């Protein structure tokens, strides 16, 4: 379980959110929503261990993630706005690099097949369209074999068919006792079964 207690975060001396608390149980699917600049990315970066909150704590299985980062990192995968891929590498080389870090080369073919990456495997990442770049980056979800998926704007630059594909992967991960937390600008029919956290509810001292 991932548990957030009274989180607060600031940027440029501006309070983005304060006293934000929630629990993400196994099988949870959570959508963090709000307008641009409201703190969605800051929150999910805090959940990933990249941005310590100003106050409050984040616990995974009862342990503060910032006090026991090694154990948490092995259980979590984070994909931000930046796809974290090398432009000079082919898609296959990028996937192989991630699999080497996670010691999960046996998962490469499953990731390629699930995200239907066969047509672009031997193309340099920097030569791909924005949609293919995002799809290739999302292969890290499957390569990681992690129980917790944290994804900032997962559907950015994806066509409708690929969005459905990614939603299906998220549902499968959730059904397998995983926890998925994503950011977005608002709920849609496709996300109706997600628990909604509107970060604007926590962005003032009022």
N, C-alpha and C. Protein backbone atom coordinates (compact mmCIF):
# COMPACT_ATOMS: atom_id res chain seq x y z
N UNK A 1 0.84 -1.21 0.00
CA UNK A 1 0.00 0.00 0.00
C UNK A 1 0.87 1.25 0.00
N UNK A 2 0.45 2.25 -0.74
CA UNK A 2 1.11 3.55 -0.77
C UNK A 2 0.22 4.54 -0.02
N UNK A 3 0.80 5.22 0.97
CA UNK A 3 0.01 6.12 1.82
C UNK A 3 0.67 7.49 1.91
N UNK A 4 -0.10 8.53 1.64
CA UNK A 4 0.38 9.91 1.73
C UNK A 4 -0.31 10.58 2.91
N UNK A 5 0.48 11.24 3.73
CA UNK A 5 -0.05 11.87 4.93
C UNK A 5 0.34 13.34 4.97
N UNK A 6 -0.65 14.22 4.85
CA UNK A 6 -0.49 15.67 5.05
C UNK A 6 0.64 16.25 4.19
N UNK A 7 0.67 15.89 2.91
CA UNK A 7 1.73 16.39 2.03
C UNK A 7 1.52 17.86 1.70
N UNK A 8 2.62 18.60 1.67
CA UNK A 8 2.61 19.99 1.20
C UNK A 8 3.79 20.18 0.26
N UNK A 9 3.59 21.00 -0.75
CA UNK A 9 4.64 21.24 -1.74
C UNK A 9 4.57 22.70 -2.19
N UNK A 10 5.73 23.30 -2.37
CA UNK A 10 5.79 24.67 -2.89
C UNK A 10 6.69 24.72 -4.11
N UNK A 11 6.48 25.76 -4.92
CA UNK A 11 7.36 26.02 -6.06
C UNK A 11 7.48 27.53 -6.22
N UNK A 12 8.71 28.02 -6.24
CA UNK A 12 8.95 29.46 -6.34
C UNK A 12 8.19 30.23 -5.26
N UNK A 13 8.25 29.68 -4.04
CA UNK A 13 7.59 30.29 -2.87
C UNK A 13 6.07 30.31 -2.95
N UNK A 14 5.51 29.58 -3.89
CA UNK A 14 4.05 29.47 -4.01
C UNK A 14 3.61 28.10 -3.53
N UNK A 15 2.58 28.08 -2.70
CA UNK A 15 2.04 26.80 -2.22
C UNK A 15 1.26 26.14 -3.36
N UNK A 16 1.69 24.96 -3.75
CA UNK A 16 0.97 24.21 -4.77
C UNK A 16 -0.16 23.39 -4.16
N UNK A 17 0.12 22.73 -3.07
CA UNK A 17 -0.91 22.01 -2.33
C UNK A 17 -0.47 21.84 -0.89
N UNK A 18 -1.45 21.64 -0.01
CA UNK A 18 -1.18 21.51 1.42
C UNK A 18 -2.12 20.49 2.04
N UNK A 19 -1.59 19.71 3.00
CA UNK A 19 -2.39 18.74 3.76
C UNK A 19 -3.11 17.75 2.85
N UNK A 20 -2.40 17.28 1.84
CA UNK A 20 -2.97 16.31 0.90
C UNK A 20 -2.70 14.90 1.45
N UNK A 21 -3.77 14.14 1.65
CA UNK A 21 -3.64 12.79 2.18
C UNK A 21 -4.51 11.83 1.38
N UNK A 22 -3.98 10.65 1.10
CA UNK A 22 -4.79 9.59 0.49
C UNK A 22 -4.05 8.27 0.62
N UNK A 23 -4.79 7.18 0.44
CA UNK A 23 -4.21 5.85 0.44
C UNK A 23 -4.46 5.19 -0.91
N UNK A 24 -3.44 4.53 -1.41
CA UNK A 24 -3.56 3.79 -2.66
C UNK A 24 -3.35 2.31 -2.35
N UNK A 25 -4.46 1.60 -2.23
CA UNK A 25 -4.42 0.17 -1.92
C UNK A 25 -4.06 -0.62 -3.19
N UNK A 26 -3.64 -1.87 -3.03
CA UNK A 26 -3.52 -2.74 -4.21
C UNK A 26 -4.82 -2.76 -4.99
N UNK A 27 -4.73 -2.77 -6.28
CA UNK A 27 -5.84 -2.73 -7.23
C UNK A 27 -6.41 -1.33 -7.41
N UNK A 28 -5.77 -0.32 -6.81
CA UNK A 28 -6.23 1.07 -6.98
C UNK A 28 -5.85 1.60 -8.35
N UNK A 29 -6.74 2.41 -8.91
CA UNK A 29 -6.45 3.23 -10.10
C UNK A 29 -6.84 4.65 -9.74
N UNK A 30 -5.87 5.54 -9.68
CA UNK A 30 -6.09 6.90 -9.19
C UNK A 30 -5.72 7.91 -10.27
N UNK A 31 -6.59 8.88 -10.49
CA UNK A 31 -6.34 9.98 -11.40
C UNK A 31 -6.16 11.26 -10.60
N UNK A 32 -5.00 11.89 -10.71
CA UNK A 32 -4.74 13.19 -10.10
C UNK A 32 -5.05 14.24 -11.16
N UNK A 33 -6.03 15.06 -10.89
CA UNK A 33 -6.48 16.01 -11.90
C UNK A 33 -6.36 17.45 -11.42
N UNK A 34 -6.41 18.37 -12.35
CA UNK A 34 -6.29 19.79 -12.06
C UNK A 34 -5.70 20.51 -13.25
N UNK A 35 -5.81 21.84 -13.31
CA UNK A 35 -5.28 22.60 -14.44
C UNK A 35 -3.76 22.63 -14.45
N UNK A 36 -3.20 23.10 -15.54
CA UNK A 36 -1.75 23.27 -15.62
C UNK A 36 -1.26 24.17 -14.50
N UNK A 37 -0.15 23.80 -13.88
CA UNK A 37 0.43 24.61 -12.82
C UNK A 37 -0.15 24.38 -11.45
N UNK A 38 -1.08 23.43 -11.33
CA UNK A 38 -1.73 23.20 -10.04
C UNK A 38 -0.95 22.29 -9.12
N UNK A 39 0.06 21.60 -9.64
CA UNK A 39 0.90 20.75 -8.80
C UNK A 39 0.81 19.27 -9.08
N UNK A 40 0.14 18.88 -10.16
CA UNK A 40 0.00 17.46 -10.48
C UNK A 40 1.36 16.79 -10.67
N UNK A 41 2.20 17.41 -11.49
CA UNK A 41 3.52 16.83 -11.75
C UNK A 41 4.38 16.82 -10.49
N UNK A 42 4.29 17.88 -9.70
CA UNK A 42 5.06 17.92 -8.45
C UNK A 42 4.63 16.79 -7.52
N UNK A 43 3.34 16.53 -7.45
CA UNK A 43 2.85 15.46 -6.59
C UNK A 43 3.35 14.10 -7.05
N UNK A 44 3.24 13.83 -8.34
CA UNK A 44 3.63 12.50 -8.80
C UNK A 44 5.16 12.33 -8.74
N UNK A 45 5.91 13.42 -8.88
CA UNK A 45 7.35 13.35 -8.68
C UNK A 45 7.68 13.09 -7.21
N UNK A 46 6.90 13.65 -6.30
CA UNK A 46 7.09 13.34 -4.89
C UNK A 46 6.81 11.87 -4.62
N UNK A 47 5.75 11.35 -5.22
CA UNK A 47 5.41 9.94 -5.04
C UNK A 47 6.49 9.02 -5.60
N UNK A 48 7.22 9.51 -6.60
CA UNK A 48 8.28 8.69 -7.20
C UNK A 48 9.58 8.74 -6.41
N UNK A 49 9.66 9.67 -5.44
CA UNK A 49 10.89 9.82 -4.67
C UNK A 49 11.85 10.84 -5.23
N UNK A 50 11.44 11.56 -6.27
CA UNK A 50 12.33 12.53 -6.91
C UNK A 50 12.22 13.94 -6.32
N UNK A 51 11.12 14.22 -5.63
CA UNK A 51 10.90 15.58 -5.12
C UNK A 51 10.34 15.50 -3.70
N UNK A 52 11.20 15.57 -2.69
CA UNK A 52 10.71 15.49 -1.31
C UNK A 52 9.69 16.59 -1.02
N UNK A 53 8.59 16.26 -0.38
CA UNK A 53 7.60 17.29 -0.04
C UNK A 53 8.14 18.23 1.03
N UNK A 54 7.57 19.41 1.09
CA UNK A 54 7.95 20.37 2.13
C UNK A 54 7.59 19.84 3.51
N UNK A 55 6.44 19.19 3.60
CA UNK A 55 6.02 18.58 4.86
C UNK A 55 5.16 17.37 4.54
N UNK A 56 4.94 16.55 5.56
CA UNK A 56 4.19 15.32 5.38
C UNK A 56 5.11 14.17 5.01
N UNK A 57 4.53 13.01 4.82
CA UNK A 57 5.35 11.85 4.44
C UNK A 57 4.59 10.91 3.51
N UNK A 58 5.37 10.09 2.84
CA UNK A 58 4.84 9.10 1.90
C UNK A 58 5.38 7.74 2.33
N UNK A 59 4.49 6.81 2.58
CA UNK A 59 4.89 5.50 3.07
C UNK A 59 4.49 4.41 2.09
N UNK A 60 5.40 3.45 1.93
CA UNK A 60 5.11 2.26 1.14
C UNK A 60 5.24 1.06 2.06
N UNK A 61 4.15 0.34 2.23
CA UNK A 61 4.13 -0.80 3.16
C UNK A 61 4.61 -0.39 4.55
N UNK A 62 4.22 0.81 4.97
CA UNK A 62 4.52 1.28 6.30
C UNK A 62 5.86 1.95 6.48
N UNK A 63 6.70 1.98 5.42
CA UNK A 63 8.03 2.59 5.52
C UNK A 63 8.08 3.87 4.70
N UNK A 64 8.68 4.91 5.26
CA UNK A 64 8.82 6.17 4.54
C UNK A 64 9.71 5.93 3.31
N UNK A 65 9.22 6.35 2.13
CA UNK A 65 9.96 6.05 0.90
C UNK A 65 11.30 6.78 0.84
N UNK A 66 11.41 7.90 1.56
CA UNK A 66 12.67 8.65 1.53
C UNK A 66 13.68 8.11 2.55
N UNK A 67 13.21 7.26 3.47
CA UNK A 67 14.12 6.64 4.43
C UNK A 67 14.59 5.27 3.96
N UNK A 68 13.82 4.64 3.07
CA UNK A 68 14.18 3.33 2.55
C UNK A 68 13.99 3.32 1.03
N UNK A 69 14.76 4.18 0.32
CA UNK A 69 14.50 4.36 -1.11
C UNK A 69 14.78 3.12 -1.96
N UNK A 70 15.78 2.34 -1.61
CA UNK A 70 16.15 1.20 -2.45
C UNK A 70 15.01 0.19 -2.56
N UNK A 71 14.38 -0.12 -1.44
CA UNK A 71 13.27 -1.07 -1.44
C UNK A 71 12.10 -0.53 -2.25
N UNK A 72 11.82 0.75 -2.11
CA UNK A 72 10.68 1.34 -2.81
C UNK A 72 10.92 1.41 -4.31
N UNK A 73 12.10 1.83 -4.71
CA UNK A 73 12.39 2.00 -6.14
C UNK A 73 12.21 0.69 -6.90
N UNK A 74 12.56 -0.42 -6.26
CA UNK A 74 12.42 -1.71 -6.93
C UNK A 74 10.96 -2.11 -7.13
N UNK A 75 10.06 -1.46 -6.39
CA UNK A 75 8.63 -1.79 -6.48
C UNK A 75 7.86 -0.81 -7.34
N UNK A 76 8.53 0.22 -7.89
CA UNK A 76 7.85 1.33 -8.54
C UNK A 76 8.51 1.66 -9.87
N UNK A 77 7.68 2.11 -10.82
CA UNK A 77 8.21 2.67 -12.06
C UNK A 77 7.51 4.01 -12.30
N UNK A 78 8.30 5.01 -12.67
CA UNK A 78 7.78 6.36 -12.91
C UNK A 78 8.10 6.77 -14.34
N UNK A 79 7.09 7.27 -15.03
CA UNK A 79 7.27 7.81 -16.38
C UNK A 79 6.73 9.23 -16.38
N UNK A 80 7.62 10.19 -16.58
CA UNK A 80 7.25 11.59 -16.56
C UNK A 80 6.94 12.13 -17.94
N UNK A 81 6.83 13.46 -18.03
CA UNK A 81 6.60 14.11 -19.32
C UNK A 81 7.74 13.79 -20.28
N UNK A 82 8.97 13.85 -19.76
CA UNK A 82 10.12 13.52 -20.59
C UNK A 82 10.24 12.00 -20.65
N UNK A 83 10.41 11.48 -21.84
CA UNK A 83 10.34 10.04 -22.03
C UNK A 83 11.58 9.27 -21.57
N UNK A 84 12.66 10.00 -21.27
CA UNK A 84 13.89 9.37 -20.75
C UNK A 84 14.43 8.30 -21.68
N UNK A 85 14.48 8.63 -22.97
CA UNK A 85 15.04 7.73 -23.97
C UNK A 85 16.19 8.43 -24.68
N UNK A 86 17.16 7.64 -25.14
CA UNK A 86 18.28 8.19 -25.90
C UNK A 86 17.91 8.29 -27.37
N UNK A 87 17.97 9.50 -27.93
CA UNK A 87 17.61 9.69 -29.33
C UNK A 87 18.49 8.89 -30.28
N UNK A 88 19.76 8.68 -29.91
CA UNK A 88 20.70 7.99 -30.80
C UNK A 88 20.56 6.47 -30.75
N UNK A 89 19.83 5.96 -29.76
CA UNK A 89 19.57 4.53 -29.66
C UNK A 89 18.33 4.17 -30.47
N UNK A 90 18.31 2.95 -30.99
CA UNK A 90 17.07 2.44 -31.56
C UNK A 90 16.08 2.15 -30.43
N UNK A 91 14.83 1.91 -30.81
CA UNK A 91 13.84 1.54 -29.80
C UNK A 91 14.27 0.26 -29.09
N UNK A 92 14.77 -0.71 -29.85
CA UNK A 92 15.22 -1.97 -29.24
C UNK A 92 16.36 -1.73 -28.26
N UNK A 93 17.28 -0.84 -28.61
CA UNK A 93 18.41 -0.56 -27.72
C UNK A 93 17.95 0.15 -26.44
N UNK A 94 17.00 1.06 -26.57
CA UNK A 94 16.46 1.72 -25.38
C UNK A 94 15.79 0.71 -24.45
N UNK A 95 14.97 -0.17 -25.02
CA UNK A 95 14.28 -1.17 -24.21
C UNK A 95 15.29 -2.11 -23.55
N UNK A 96 16.31 -2.49 -24.32
CA UNK A 96 17.35 -3.35 -23.75
C UNK A 96 18.09 -2.69 -22.61
N UNK A 97 18.31 -1.39 -22.74
CA UNK A 97 18.98 -0.64 -21.67
C UNK A 97 18.14 -0.67 -20.39
N UNK A 98 16.83 -0.39 -20.50
CA UNK A 98 15.96 -0.42 -19.32
C UNK A 98 15.91 -1.81 -18.70
N UNK A 99 15.82 -2.82 -19.57
CA UNK A 99 15.75 -4.20 -19.07
C UNK A 99 17.04 -4.58 -18.34
N UNK A 100 18.17 -4.05 -18.81
CA UNK A 100 19.43 -4.32 -18.13
C UNK A 100 19.46 -3.72 -16.73
N UNK A 101 18.91 -2.53 -16.60
CA UNK A 101 18.86 -1.88 -15.28
C UNK A 101 17.99 -2.68 -14.32
N UNK A 102 16.87 -3.20 -14.82
CA UNK A 102 15.93 -3.94 -13.98
C UNK A 102 16.23 -5.44 -13.94
N UNK A 103 17.23 -5.88 -14.68
CA UNK A 103 17.55 -7.30 -14.76
C UNK A 103 16.31 -8.10 -15.17
N UNK A 104 15.69 -7.64 -16.25
CA UNK A 104 14.41 -8.24 -16.67
C UNK A 104 14.36 -8.47 -18.18
N UNK A 105 15.47 -8.94 -18.72
CA UNK A 105 15.51 -9.12 -20.18
C UNK A 105 14.47 -10.12 -20.67
N UNK A 106 14.05 -11.01 -19.79
CA UNK A 106 13.05 -11.99 -20.19
C UNK A 106 11.69 -11.35 -20.48
N UNK A 107 11.52 -10.08 -20.09
CA UNK A 107 10.24 -9.39 -20.30
C UNK A 107 10.23 -8.55 -21.58
N UNK A 108 11.35 -8.51 -22.29
CA UNK A 108 11.45 -7.62 -23.45
C UNK A 108 10.42 -7.96 -24.52
N UNK A 109 10.33 -9.22 -24.91
CA UNK A 109 9.43 -9.59 -25.99
C UNK A 109 7.97 -9.34 -25.62
N UNK A 110 7.62 -9.59 -24.36
CA UNK A 110 6.24 -9.34 -23.93
C UNK A 110 5.92 -7.86 -24.03
N UNK A 111 6.87 -7.00 -23.62
CA UNK A 111 6.65 -5.56 -23.70
C UNK A 111 6.50 -5.10 -25.14
N UNK A 112 7.35 -5.61 -26.01
CA UNK A 112 7.30 -5.26 -27.43
C UNK A 112 5.96 -5.67 -28.03
N UNK A 113 5.53 -6.88 -27.73
CA UNK A 113 4.27 -7.37 -28.30
C UNK A 113 3.06 -6.64 -27.74
N UNK A 114 3.05 -6.41 -26.43
CA UNK A 114 1.89 -5.76 -25.82
C UNK A 114 1.69 -4.34 -26.34
N UNK A 115 2.79 -3.63 -26.58
CA UNK A 115 2.69 -2.26 -27.07
C UNK A 115 2.86 -2.16 -28.59
N UNK A 116 2.93 -3.32 -29.23
CA UNK A 116 2.94 -3.40 -30.69
C UNK A 116 4.06 -2.53 -31.29
N UNK A 117 5.26 -2.72 -30.77
CA UNK A 117 6.40 -1.90 -31.17
C UNK A 117 7.23 -2.51 -32.29
N UNK A 118 6.81 -3.65 -32.81
CA UNK A 118 7.60 -4.32 -33.83
C UNK A 118 7.96 -3.43 -35.03
N UNK A 119 7.05 -2.56 -35.52
CA UNK A 119 7.39 -1.77 -36.71
C UNK A 119 8.52 -0.75 -36.50
N UNK A 120 8.81 -0.40 -35.24
CA UNK A 120 9.79 0.67 -35.01
C UNK A 120 11.00 0.20 -34.21
N UNK A 121 11.13 -1.08 -33.97
CA UNK A 121 12.20 -1.58 -33.10
C UNK A 121 13.59 -1.15 -33.55
N UNK A 122 13.82 -1.13 -34.85
CA UNK A 122 15.16 -0.85 -35.36
C UNK A 122 15.33 0.59 -35.85
N UNK A 123 14.40 1.45 -35.48
CA UNK A 123 14.47 2.87 -35.84
C UNK A 123 15.04 3.65 -34.66
N UNK A 124 15.90 4.61 -34.96
CA UNK A 124 16.43 5.45 -33.88
C UNK A 124 15.30 6.23 -33.24
N UNK A 125 15.37 6.31 -31.93
CA UNK A 125 14.29 6.94 -31.17
C UNK A 125 14.06 8.38 -31.62
N UNK A 126 15.13 9.12 -31.89
CA UNK A 126 15.01 10.51 -32.28
C UNK A 126 14.30 10.72 -33.60
N UNK A 127 14.14 9.67 -34.39
CA UNK A 127 13.49 9.77 -35.69
C UNK A 127 12.00 9.45 -35.64
N UNK A 128 11.51 9.05 -34.48
CA UNK A 128 10.11 8.66 -34.36
C UNK A 128 9.18 9.86 -34.23
N UNK A 129 7.90 9.64 -34.52
CA UNK A 129 6.88 10.65 -34.25
C UNK A 129 6.67 10.74 -32.74
N UNK A 130 6.02 11.81 -32.30
CA UNK A 130 5.77 11.99 -30.86
C UNK A 130 4.95 10.84 -30.30
N UNK A 131 4.00 10.33 -31.07
CA UNK A 131 3.17 9.23 -30.61
C UNK A 131 3.95 7.95 -30.40
N UNK A 132 4.80 7.62 -31.37
CA UNK A 132 5.63 6.42 -31.24
C UNK A 132 6.65 6.57 -30.11
N UNK A 133 7.15 7.78 -29.93
CA UNK A 133 8.09 8.00 -28.82
C UNK A 133 7.43 7.70 -27.49
N UNK A 134 6.20 8.19 -27.31
CA UNK A 134 5.52 7.95 -26.05
C UNK A 134 5.21 6.48 -25.87
N UNK A 135 4.79 5.83 -26.93
CA UNK A 135 4.47 4.40 -26.83
C UNK A 135 5.71 3.59 -26.45
N UNK A 136 6.83 3.91 -27.08
CA UNK A 136 8.07 3.20 -26.75
C UNK A 136 8.48 3.44 -25.30
N UNK A 137 8.32 4.67 -24.83
CA UNK A 137 8.67 4.98 -23.44
C UNK A 137 7.81 4.19 -22.47
N UNK A 138 6.54 3.99 -22.82
CA UNK A 138 5.63 3.27 -21.94
C UNK A 138 5.98 1.79 -21.81
N UNK A 139 6.86 1.30 -22.67
CA UNK A 139 7.33 -0.09 -22.53
C UNK A 139 8.02 -0.30 -21.20
N UNK A 140 8.54 0.76 -20.61
CA UNK A 140 9.19 0.65 -19.30
C UNK A 140 8.23 0.13 -18.24
N UNK A 141 6.93 0.38 -18.39
CA UNK A 141 5.95 -0.14 -17.44
C UNK A 141 6.03 -1.65 -17.35
N UNK A 142 6.16 -2.28 -18.50
CA UNK A 142 6.16 -3.74 -18.55
C UNK A 142 7.54 -4.31 -18.28
N UNK A 143 8.57 -3.60 -18.70
CA UNK A 143 9.95 -4.05 -18.44
C UNK A 143 10.25 -4.04 -16.96
N UNK A 144 9.68 -3.09 -16.24
CA UNK A 144 10.02 -2.91 -14.83
C UNK A 144 9.50 -4.03 -13.94
N UNK A 145 8.38 -4.64 -14.34
CA UNK A 145 7.74 -5.66 -13.51
C UNK A 145 7.43 -5.12 -12.11
N UNK A 146 7.05 -3.82 -12.05
CA UNK A 146 6.80 -3.15 -10.78
C UNK A 146 5.33 -3.22 -10.40
N UNK A 147 5.05 -3.19 -9.11
CA UNK A 147 3.67 -3.22 -8.63
C UNK A 147 3.01 -1.84 -8.66
N UNK A 148 3.83 -0.78 -8.61
CA UNK A 148 3.30 0.58 -8.58
C UNK A 148 3.71 1.29 -9.86
N UNK A 149 2.71 1.77 -10.60
CA UNK A 149 2.96 2.55 -11.81
C UNK A 149 2.59 4.00 -11.54
N UNK A 150 3.52 4.91 -11.77
CA UNK A 150 3.28 6.35 -11.64
C UNK A 150 3.53 6.97 -13.01
N UNK A 151 2.49 7.55 -13.61
CA UNK A 151 2.61 8.03 -14.99
C UNK A 151 2.05 9.44 -15.09
N UNK A 152 2.90 10.36 -15.51
CA UNK A 152 2.49 11.75 -15.71
C UNK A 152 1.96 11.90 -17.13
N UNK A 153 0.67 12.20 -17.26
CA UNK A 153 0.01 12.37 -18.57
C UNK A 153 0.28 11.18 -19.49
N UNK A 154 -0.18 9.98 -19.13
CA UNK A 154 0.15 8.78 -19.91
C UNK A 154 -0.32 8.80 -21.35
N UNK A 155 -1.39 9.57 -21.65
CA UNK A 155 -1.98 9.51 -22.98
C UNK A 155 -1.51 10.64 -23.89
N UNK A 156 -0.52 11.41 -23.43
CA UNK A 156 0.00 12.51 -24.22
C UNK A 156 0.55 12.02 -25.56
N UNK A 157 0.08 12.62 -26.64
CA UNK A 157 0.52 12.34 -28.01
C UNK A 157 0.08 10.98 -28.56
N UNK A 158 -0.78 10.27 -27.85
CA UNK A 158 -1.23 8.97 -28.32
C UNK A 158 -2.55 9.09 -29.08
N UNK A 159 -2.71 8.27 -30.13
CA UNK A 159 -3.99 8.24 -30.83
C UNK A 159 -4.99 7.42 -30.01
N UNK A 160 -6.25 7.43 -30.41
CA UNK A 160 -7.30 6.81 -29.62
C UNK A 160 -7.08 5.31 -29.44
N UNK A 161 -6.59 4.65 -30.49
CA UNK A 161 -6.37 3.21 -30.40
C UNK A 161 -5.28 2.88 -29.39
N UNK A 162 -4.21 3.68 -29.39
CA UNK A 162 -3.13 3.44 -28.44
C UNK A 162 -3.55 3.79 -27.02
N UNK A 163 -4.38 4.82 -26.88
CA UNK A 163 -4.93 5.14 -25.55
C UNK A 163 -5.69 3.96 -24.99
N UNK A 164 -6.51 3.31 -25.83
CA UNK A 164 -7.26 2.14 -25.39
C UNK A 164 -6.31 1.02 -25.00
N UNK A 165 -5.24 0.86 -25.76
CA UNK A 165 -4.25 -0.17 -25.46
C UNK A 165 -3.61 0.07 -24.10
N UNK A 166 -3.24 1.31 -23.83
CA UNK A 166 -2.60 1.66 -22.56
C UNK A 166 -3.59 1.51 -21.40
N UNK A 167 -4.83 1.93 -21.61
CA UNK A 167 -5.86 1.75 -20.58
C UNK A 167 -6.04 0.28 -20.23
N UNK A 168 -5.98 -0.57 -21.24
CA UNK A 168 -6.12 -2.01 -20.99
C UNK A 168 -4.96 -2.54 -20.17
N UNK A 169 -3.74 -2.07 -20.47
CA UNK A 169 -2.57 -2.49 -19.69
C UNK A 169 -2.68 -2.02 -18.24
N UNK A 170 -3.19 -0.80 -18.05
CA UNK A 170 -3.39 -0.27 -16.70
C UNK A 170 -4.40 -1.13 -15.94
N UNK A 171 -5.49 -1.51 -16.60
CA UNK A 171 -6.51 -2.33 -15.95
C UNK A 171 -5.95 -3.69 -15.57
N UNK A 172 -5.15 -4.27 -16.44
CA UNK A 172 -4.55 -5.57 -16.14
C UNK A 172 -3.61 -5.47 -14.95
N UNK A 173 -2.79 -4.41 -14.93
CA UNK A 173 -1.86 -4.22 -13.80
C UNK A 173 -2.65 -4.08 -12.49
N UNK A 174 -3.73 -3.33 -12.53
CA UNK A 174 -4.56 -3.14 -11.34
C UNK A 174 -5.18 -4.46 -10.89
N UNK A 175 -5.70 -5.22 -11.83
CA UNK A 175 -6.33 -6.50 -11.49
C UNK A 175 -5.33 -7.49 -10.89
N UNK A 176 -4.04 -7.30 -11.20
CA UNK A 176 -3.00 -8.17 -10.66
C UNK A 176 -2.42 -7.63 -9.35
N UNK A 177 -3.26 -6.92 -8.59
CA UNK A 177 -2.87 -6.33 -7.30
C UNK A 177 -1.88 -5.19 -7.43
N UNK A 178 -1.81 -4.59 -8.59
CA UNK A 178 -0.96 -3.42 -8.76
C UNK A 178 -1.67 -2.14 -8.35
N UNK A 179 -0.90 -1.07 -8.28
CA UNK A 179 -1.41 0.27 -7.98
C UNK A 179 -0.98 1.19 -9.11
N UNK A 180 -1.93 1.90 -9.70
CA UNK A 180 -1.63 2.80 -10.81
C UNK A 180 -2.11 4.21 -10.46
N UNK A 181 -1.20 5.17 -10.55
CA UNK A 181 -1.54 6.58 -10.31
C UNK A 181 -1.10 7.38 -11.52
N UNK A 182 -2.04 8.11 -12.12
CA UNK A 182 -1.75 8.89 -13.30
C UNK A 182 -2.19 10.34 -13.07
N UNK A 183 -1.70 11.24 -13.90
CA UNK A 183 -2.19 12.62 -13.88
C UNK A 183 -2.96 12.90 -15.17
N UNK A 184 -3.82 13.90 -15.10
CA UNK A 184 -4.60 14.29 -16.26
C UNK A 184 -5.35 15.58 -15.95
N UNK A 185 -6.00 16.13 -16.96
CA UNK A 185 -6.70 17.40 -16.80
C UNK A 185 -8.15 17.24 -16.39
N UNK A 186 -8.68 16.04 -16.47
CA UNK A 186 -10.07 15.85 -16.09
C UNK A 186 -10.51 14.44 -16.38
N UNK A 187 -11.61 14.05 -15.76
CA UNK A 187 -12.13 12.70 -15.94
C UNK A 187 -12.84 12.59 -17.29
N UNK A 188 -12.75 11.41 -17.88
CA UNK A 188 -13.48 11.12 -19.11
C UNK A 188 -14.22 9.80 -18.91
N UNK A 189 -15.04 9.46 -19.88
CA UNK A 189 -15.79 8.20 -19.78
C UNK A 189 -14.84 7.02 -19.62
N UNK A 190 -13.68 7.09 -20.31
CA UNK A 190 -12.73 5.99 -20.24
C UNK A 190 -12.09 5.85 -18.86
N UNK A 191 -12.12 6.93 -18.08
CA UNK A 191 -11.48 6.91 -16.75
C UNK A 191 -12.51 6.90 -15.63
N UNK A 192 -13.72 6.49 -15.93
CA UNK A 192 -14.81 6.58 -14.96
C UNK A 192 -14.60 5.67 -13.76
N UNK A 193 -13.78 4.64 -13.90
CA UNK A 193 -13.56 3.72 -12.77
C UNK A 193 -12.31 4.09 -11.97
N UNK A 194 -11.71 5.24 -12.26
CA UNK A 194 -10.58 5.73 -11.48
C UNK A 194 -11.09 6.52 -10.27
N UNK A 195 -10.36 6.44 -9.17
CA UNK A 195 -10.60 7.33 -8.04
C UNK A 195 -9.99 8.69 -8.39
N UNK A 196 -10.76 9.76 -8.24
CA UNK A 196 -10.32 11.09 -8.63
C UNK A 196 -9.79 11.86 -7.43
N UNK A 197 -8.59 12.42 -7.57
CA UNK A 197 -8.06 13.36 -6.59
C UNK A 197 -7.87 14.69 -7.32
N UNK A 198 -8.71 15.67 -7.00
CA UNK A 198 -8.59 17.00 -7.61
C UNK A 198 -7.64 17.82 -6.75
N UNK A 199 -6.47 18.08 -7.29
CA UNK A 199 -5.43 18.73 -6.49
C UNK A 199 -5.83 20.15 -6.11
N UNK A 200 -6.78 20.73 -6.83
CA UNK A 200 -7.24 22.09 -6.48
C UNK A 200 -7.93 22.12 -5.12
N UNK A 201 -8.39 20.98 -4.64
CA UNK A 201 -9.00 20.92 -3.32
C UNK A 201 -7.99 21.11 -2.20
N UNK A 202 -6.70 21.07 -2.57
CA UNK A 202 -5.64 21.15 -1.54
C UNK A 202 -4.65 22.27 -1.82
N UNK A 203 -5.02 23.23 -2.68
CA UNK A 203 -4.02 24.21 -3.11
C UNK A 203 -4.16 25.57 -2.45
N UNK A 204 -4.80 25.63 -1.29
CA UNK A 204 -4.85 26.91 -0.57
C UNK A 204 -4.86 26.62 0.92
N UNK A 205 -4.67 27.67 1.68
CA UNK A 205 -4.70 27.58 3.13
C UNK A 205 -6.07 27.90 3.71
N UNK A 206 -7.05 28.04 2.81
CA UNK A 206 -8.34 28.54 3.24
C UNK A 206 -9.08 27.70 4.26
